[in-house]
Amino acid sequence: MLILLPPSEGKAERGTSAVRRLSFPELASPREKVLDALVSLCHTPEARDVLGLSEGQTGEIERNLALPTARTLPVAALYTGVLYDNLGLATLSPEARRRADRRIVVFSALWGLLRPSDRVPPYRLSMGVRLPPMGGLAAFWRPSISAVLDATKGLVVDMRSATYAAAWQPGERGVAVRVLREAAGKRTVVSHMAKATRGVVARALVETPDRPRTAADLADLLTGLGHRVELAAPSGRGKPRTLDVIVNE
């Protein structure tokens, strides 16, 4: 089972060592290309507009310029925000932490794919950026990421945002997790609550030694763990299924 997560815009700042060998070494070449392009961009006056930064965020450009020699910290500590706060990688048991490192794959516009134990420096780059000279990053990364993840087997639990999902689709072995809030008989999508719930679900899936093999297995597992879920039919041949997690107001 793979659990696909987006990164977070917020990142911790204090690193302690240089970049070392990362998971998915097949991505070394595209990683180097994106890193070089990002640093080159940040030497230009167009950097703030391309990266979508406000005037108050110009410090992010200086951070990117320092990337080649910046200190690193584990992905498990790097990403902050609602999803990662509720996932709570730092508070997992040793056994669950090892499962997390096998099961969780974080999509990154700069590094492509990361495991929780990988060490990288803080950076600012979204998959939605059109980075000169390669253009849209989701399209740039898609061939390399597909070559890696198409070769894997098993259920893929997809909790990414649309921006990061554009870089790779798992097909019919995928289950996209959607979170709906139910109130007064109506169901709506709420971003903040969705991120929190995805973090809780991801934590549950690394705390359990069980490995669901099908979407139905996943639904049964989460129901047994106390979640209210509904499994939808696939939208077409070769398409992933959708698992709705229903939360009350």
Protein backbone atom coordinates (compact mmCIF):
# COMPACT_ATOMS: atom_id res chain seq x y z
CA MET A 1 0.00 0.00 0.00
CA LEU A 2 1.15 3.50 -0.86
CA ILE A 3 -0.24 6.64 0.78
CA LEU A 4 0.24 9.69 -1.43
CA LEU A 5 0.42 13.08 0.29
CA PRO A 6 0.96 16.62 -0.91
CA PRO A 7 3.67 18.73 0.72
CA SER A 8 2.71 21.74 2.81
CA GLU A 9 3.31 25.38 2.01
CA GLY A 10 4.50 25.92 5.58
CA LYS A 11 7.87 24.43 6.42
CA ALA A 12 10.09 24.20 9.48
CA GLU A 13 13.30 26.20 9.22
CA ARG A 14 16.15 24.73 11.23
CA GLY A 15 18.26 22.08 9.57
CA THR A 16 21.35 20.33 10.85
CA SER A 17 23.14 18.57 7.97
CA ALA A 18 23.71 18.69 4.23
CA VAL A 19 21.57 16.87 1.65
CA ARG A 20 22.33 13.17 1.50
CA ARG A 21 21.15 10.37 -0.75
CA LEU A 22 17.38 10.52 -1.12
CA SER A 23 14.80 7.82 -1.75
CA PHE A 24 13.89 7.24 -5.38
CA PRO A 25 17.44 7.76 -6.72
CA GLU A 26 16.03 7.39 -10.26
CA LEU A 27 14.87 10.99 -9.87
CA ALA A 28 18.36 12.41 -9.32
CA SER A 29 18.64 13.97 -12.77
CA PRO A 30 15.25 15.78 -12.86
CA ARG A 31 15.84 16.91 -9.26
CA GLU A 32 19.10 18.53 -10.30
CA LYS A 33 17.44 20.22 -13.28
CA VAL A 34 14.63 21.70 -11.17
CA LEU A 35 17.03 22.82 -8.44
CA ASP A 36 19.32 24.56 -10.95
CA ALA A 37 16.36 26.22 -12.67
CA LEU A 38 14.89 27.40 -9.37
CA VAL A 39 18.16 28.93 -8.18
CA SER A 40 18.67 30.61 -11.57
CA LEU A 41 15.16 32.05 -11.45
CA CYS A 42 15.75 33.43 -7.96
CA HIS A 43 18.66 35.50 -9.30
CA THR A 44 16.19 37.39 -11.52
CA PRO A 45 13.62 40.12 -10.77
CA GLU A 46 10.86 37.86 -12.17
CA ALA A 47 11.22 35.35 -9.34
CA ARG A 48 8.52 36.78 -7.08
CA ASP A 49 5.87 36.79 -9.81
CA VAL A 50 6.76 33.33 -11.13
CA LEU A 51 6.68 31.82 -7.65
CA GLY A 52 3.48 33.65 -6.71
CA LEU A 53 5.00 35.45 -3.73
CA SER A 54 3.76 38.61 -2.07
CA GLU A 55 6.06 41.50 -1.21
CA GLY A 56 6.21 40.22 2.34
CA GLN A 57 7.48 36.83 1.17
CA THR A 58 10.64 37.95 -0.60
CA GLY A 59 12.65 36.11 2.07
CA GLU A 60 11.56 32.90 0.35
CA ILE A 61 13.71 33.90 -2.62
CA GLU A 62 16.78 34.17 -0.40
CA ARG A 63 15.93 30.76 1.03
CA ASN A 64 15.82 29.25 -2.46
CA LEU A 65 19.12 30.88 -3.40
CA ALA A 66 20.75 29.12 -0.44
CA LEU A 67 19.44 25.67 -1.39
CA PRO A 68 22.69 24.22 -2.82
CA THR A 69 24.42 24.54 0.57
CA ALA A 70 21.43 24.72 2.94
CA ARG A 71 21.10 22.50 5.99
CA THR A 72 18.43 19.82 5.96
CA LEU A 73 15.90 18.18 8.23
CA PRO A 74 13.76 15.06 7.84
CA VAL A 75 10.65 15.33 5.71
CA ALA A 76 8.78 14.12 8.81
CA ALA A 77 9.76 17.38 10.51
CA LEU A 78 9.95 19.68 7.49
CA TYR A 79 6.33 19.96 6.47
CA THR A 80 3.95 21.74 8.83
CA GLY A 81 0.28 22.63 8.56
CA VAL A 82 -3.04 21.01 9.33
CA LEU A 83 -2.56 17.69 7.53
CA TYR A 84 0.90 17.07 8.97
CA ASP A 85 -0.11 18.24 12.45
CA ASN A 86 -2.84 15.60 12.49
CA LEU A 87 -0.60 12.96 10.95
CA GLY A 88 1.88 13.55 13.77
CA LEU A 89 4.82 11.58 12.38
CA ALA A 90 7.06 12.56 15.30
CA THR A 91 4.70 10.95 17.82
CA LEU A 92 4.32 7.58 16.09
CA SER A 93 5.65 4.45 17.72
CA PRO A 94 8.92 3.09 16.26
CA GLU A 95 6.98 0.35 14.44
CA ALA A 96 4.47 2.81 12.97
CA ARG A 97 7.29 5.15 11.97
CA ARG A 98 8.93 2.36 9.99
CA ARG A 99 5.61 1.58 8.31
CA ALA A 100 5.16 5.27 7.52
CA ASP A 101 8.51 5.36 5.79
CA ARG A 102 7.53 2.38 3.65
CA ARG A 103 3.99 3.49 2.89
CA ILE A 104 4.00 7.29 2.66
CA VAL A 105 5.14 9.08 -0.49
CA VAL A 106 5.17 12.88 -0.44
CA PHE A 107 4.97 14.65 -3.80
CA SER A 108 7.30 17.66 -4.10
CA ALA A 109 7.68 20.18 -6.92
CA LEU A 110 11.42 20.38 -6.21
CA TRP A 111 12.33 16.79 -5.28
CA GLY A 112 9.65 14.80 -7.11
CA LEU A 113 8.99 12.07 -4.53
CA LEU A 114 10.12 11.86 -0.91
CA ARG A 115 9.85 9.46 2.02
CA PRO A 116 9.38 10.74 5.60
CA SER A 117 12.98 9.87 6.56
CA ASP A 118 14.55 11.75 3.62
CA ARG A 119 16.41 14.91 4.60
CA VAL A 120 15.98 18.06 2.47
CA PRO A 121 16.28 21.80 3.14
CA PRO A 122 13.30 24.16 3.41
CA TYR A 123 12.32 25.59 0.01
CA ARG A 124 9.53 27.45 -1.75
CA LEU A 125 8.15 25.94 -4.96
CA SER A 126 4.68 24.69 -5.88
CA MET A 127 3.79 22.07 -8.46
CA GLY A 128 1.52 24.69 -10.05
CA VAL A 129 4.48 26.93 -10.98
CA ARG A 130 5.63 27.29 -14.59
CA LEU A 131 9.36 27.23 -13.99
CA PRO A 132 11.62 28.44 -16.82
CA PRO A 133 12.85 26.72 -18.92
CA MET A 134 10.87 23.50 -18.30
CA GLY A 135 7.41 25.09 -17.97
CA GLY A 136 4.67 23.45 -15.92
CA LEU A 137 6.21 21.30 -13.22
CA ALA A 138 3.46 18.67 -13.10
CA ALA A 139 4.02 17.94 -16.81
CA PHE A 140 7.80 18.03 -16.36
CA TRP A 141 7.74 15.52 -13.50
CA ARG A 142 5.08 13.19 -14.95
CA PRO A 143 7.34 10.96 -17.11
CA SER A 144 9.95 10.45 -14.39
CA ILE A 145 7.45 9.87 -11.58
CA SER A 146 5.37 7.55 -13.76
CA ALA A 147 8.43 5.43 -14.52
CA VAL A 148 8.96 4.97 -10.78
CA LEU A 149 5.42 4.54 -9.47
CA ASP A 150 3.99 2.56 -12.39
CA ALA A 151 6.45 -0.18 -11.41
CA THR A 152 5.03 -0.44 -7.88
CA LYS A 153 2.21 -2.76 -6.86
CA GLY A 154 -0.66 -2.65 -4.44
CA LEU A 155 -3.39 -0.24 -3.38
CA VAL A 156 -2.70 3.49 -3.70
CA VAL A 157 -4.47 5.73 -1.18
CA ASP A 158 -4.45 9.19 -2.73
CA MET A 159 -4.76 12.22 -0.45
CA ARG A 160 -3.11 14.78 -2.75
CA SER A 161 -4.54 18.06 -3.91
CA ALA A 162 -5.38 18.39 -7.61
CA THR A 163 -2.19 20.34 -8.30
CA TYR A 164 -0.01 17.44 -7.19
CA ALA A 165 -2.32 14.72 -8.52
CA ALA A 166 -1.63 16.13 -12.00
CA ALA A 167 1.93 14.74 -11.78
CA TRP A 168 0.78 11.08 -11.67
CA GLN A 169 -2.45 9.08 -11.60
CA PRO A 170 -2.56 5.55 -10.14
CA GLY A 171 -5.39 4.32 -12.35
CA GLU A 172 -7.83 1.68 -11.14
CA ARG A 173 -5.68 0.62 -8.19
CA GLY A 174 -6.06 4.11 -6.73
CA VAL A 175 -8.54 5.30 -4.11
CA ALA A 176 -8.95 9.08 -3.84
CA VAL A 177 -9.92 10.12 -0.31
CA ARG A 178 -12.51 12.88 -0.20
CA VAL A 179 -13.75 14.45 3.03
CA LEU A 180 -17.32 15.73 3.32
CA ARG A 181 -18.87 17.62 6.20
CA GLU A 182 -22.47 16.69 6.94
CA ALA A 183 -24.75 19.26 8.57
CA ALA A 184 -28.52 19.69 8.41
CA GLY A 185 -28.78 16.89 5.91
CA LYS A 186 -26.34 18.46 3.45
CA ARG A 187 -22.78 17.51 2.59
CA THR A 188 -20.08 20.01 1.65
CA VAL A 189 -16.33 20.02 1.12
CA VAL A 190 -14.42 22.16 3.62
CA SER A 191 -10.70 22.56 2.94
CA HIS A 192 -9.41 22.99 6.51
CA MET A 193 -11.46 20.07 7.85
CA ALA A 194 -10.50 17.93 4.84
CA LYS A 195 -6.79 18.42 5.51
CA ALA A 196 -7.20 17.57 9.19
CA THR A 197 -9.21 14.43 8.44
CA ARG A 198 -6.76 13.24 5.81
CA GLY A 199 -4.01 13.58 8.38
CA VAL A 200 -6.01 11.50 10.87
CA VAL A 201 -6.73 8.84 8.24
CA ALA A 202 -3.10 8.70 7.12
CA ARG A 203 -2.01 8.23 10.72
CA ALA A 204 -4.51 5.39 11.18
CA LEU A 205 -3.15 3.68 8.07
CA VAL A 206 0.43 3.67 9.32
CA GLU A 207 -0.47 2.74 12.89
CA THR A 208 -2.15 -0.46 11.76
CA PRO A 209 -0.08 -3.40 10.47
CA ASP A 210 -3.01 -4.34 8.22
CA ARG A 211 -2.46 -3.85 4.49
CA PRO A 212 -5.71 -3.43 2.58
CA ARG A 213 -5.42 -4.80 -0.93
CA THR A 214 -8.61 -3.40 -2.44
CA ALA A 215 -10.78 -0.30 -2.08
CA ALA A 216 -13.36 -2.42 -0.26
CA ASP A 217 -10.69 -3.64 2.16
CA LEU A 218 -9.73 -0.02 2.82
CA ALA A 219 -13.33 0.97 3.49
CA ASP A 220 -13.78 -1.96 5.89
CA LEU A 221 -10.54 -1.13 7.70
CA LEU A 222 -11.44 2.53 8.21
CA THR A 223 -14.96 1.61 9.30
CA GLY A 224 -13.48 -0.74 11.87
CA LEU A 225 -11.27 2.11 13.10
CA GLY A 226 -14.33 4.25 13.76
CA HIS A 227 -14.57 6.31 10.58
CA ARG A 228 -17.79 6.75 8.63
CA VAL A 229 -16.97 6.09 4.99
CA GLU A 230 -18.75 5.51 1.69
CA LEU A 231 -17.10 3.94 -1.35
CA ALA A 232 -18.18 5.25 -4.75
CA ALA A 233 -18.02 3.35 -8.01
CA PRO A 234 -15.18 4.26 -10.38
CA SER A 235 -15.99 7.08 -12.81
CA GLY A 236 -14.79 5.02 -15.77
CA ARG A 237 -12.57 2.18 -16.90
CA GLY A 238 -9.03 2.52 -15.56
CA LYS A 239 -10.08 5.30 -13.19
CA PRO A 240 -9.53 5.39 -9.41
CA ARG A 241 -12.40 5.01 -6.99
CA THR A 242 -13.43 7.66 -4.50
CA LEU A 243 -13.72 7.00 -0.78
CA ASP A 244 -15.79 9.61 1.04
CA VAL A 245 -15.02 10.15 4.71
CA ILE A 246 -18.09 11.74 6.30
CA VAL A 247 -17.59 14.01 9.31
CA ASN A 248 -20.27 15.80 11.30
CA GLU A 249 -20.29 19.52 11.93
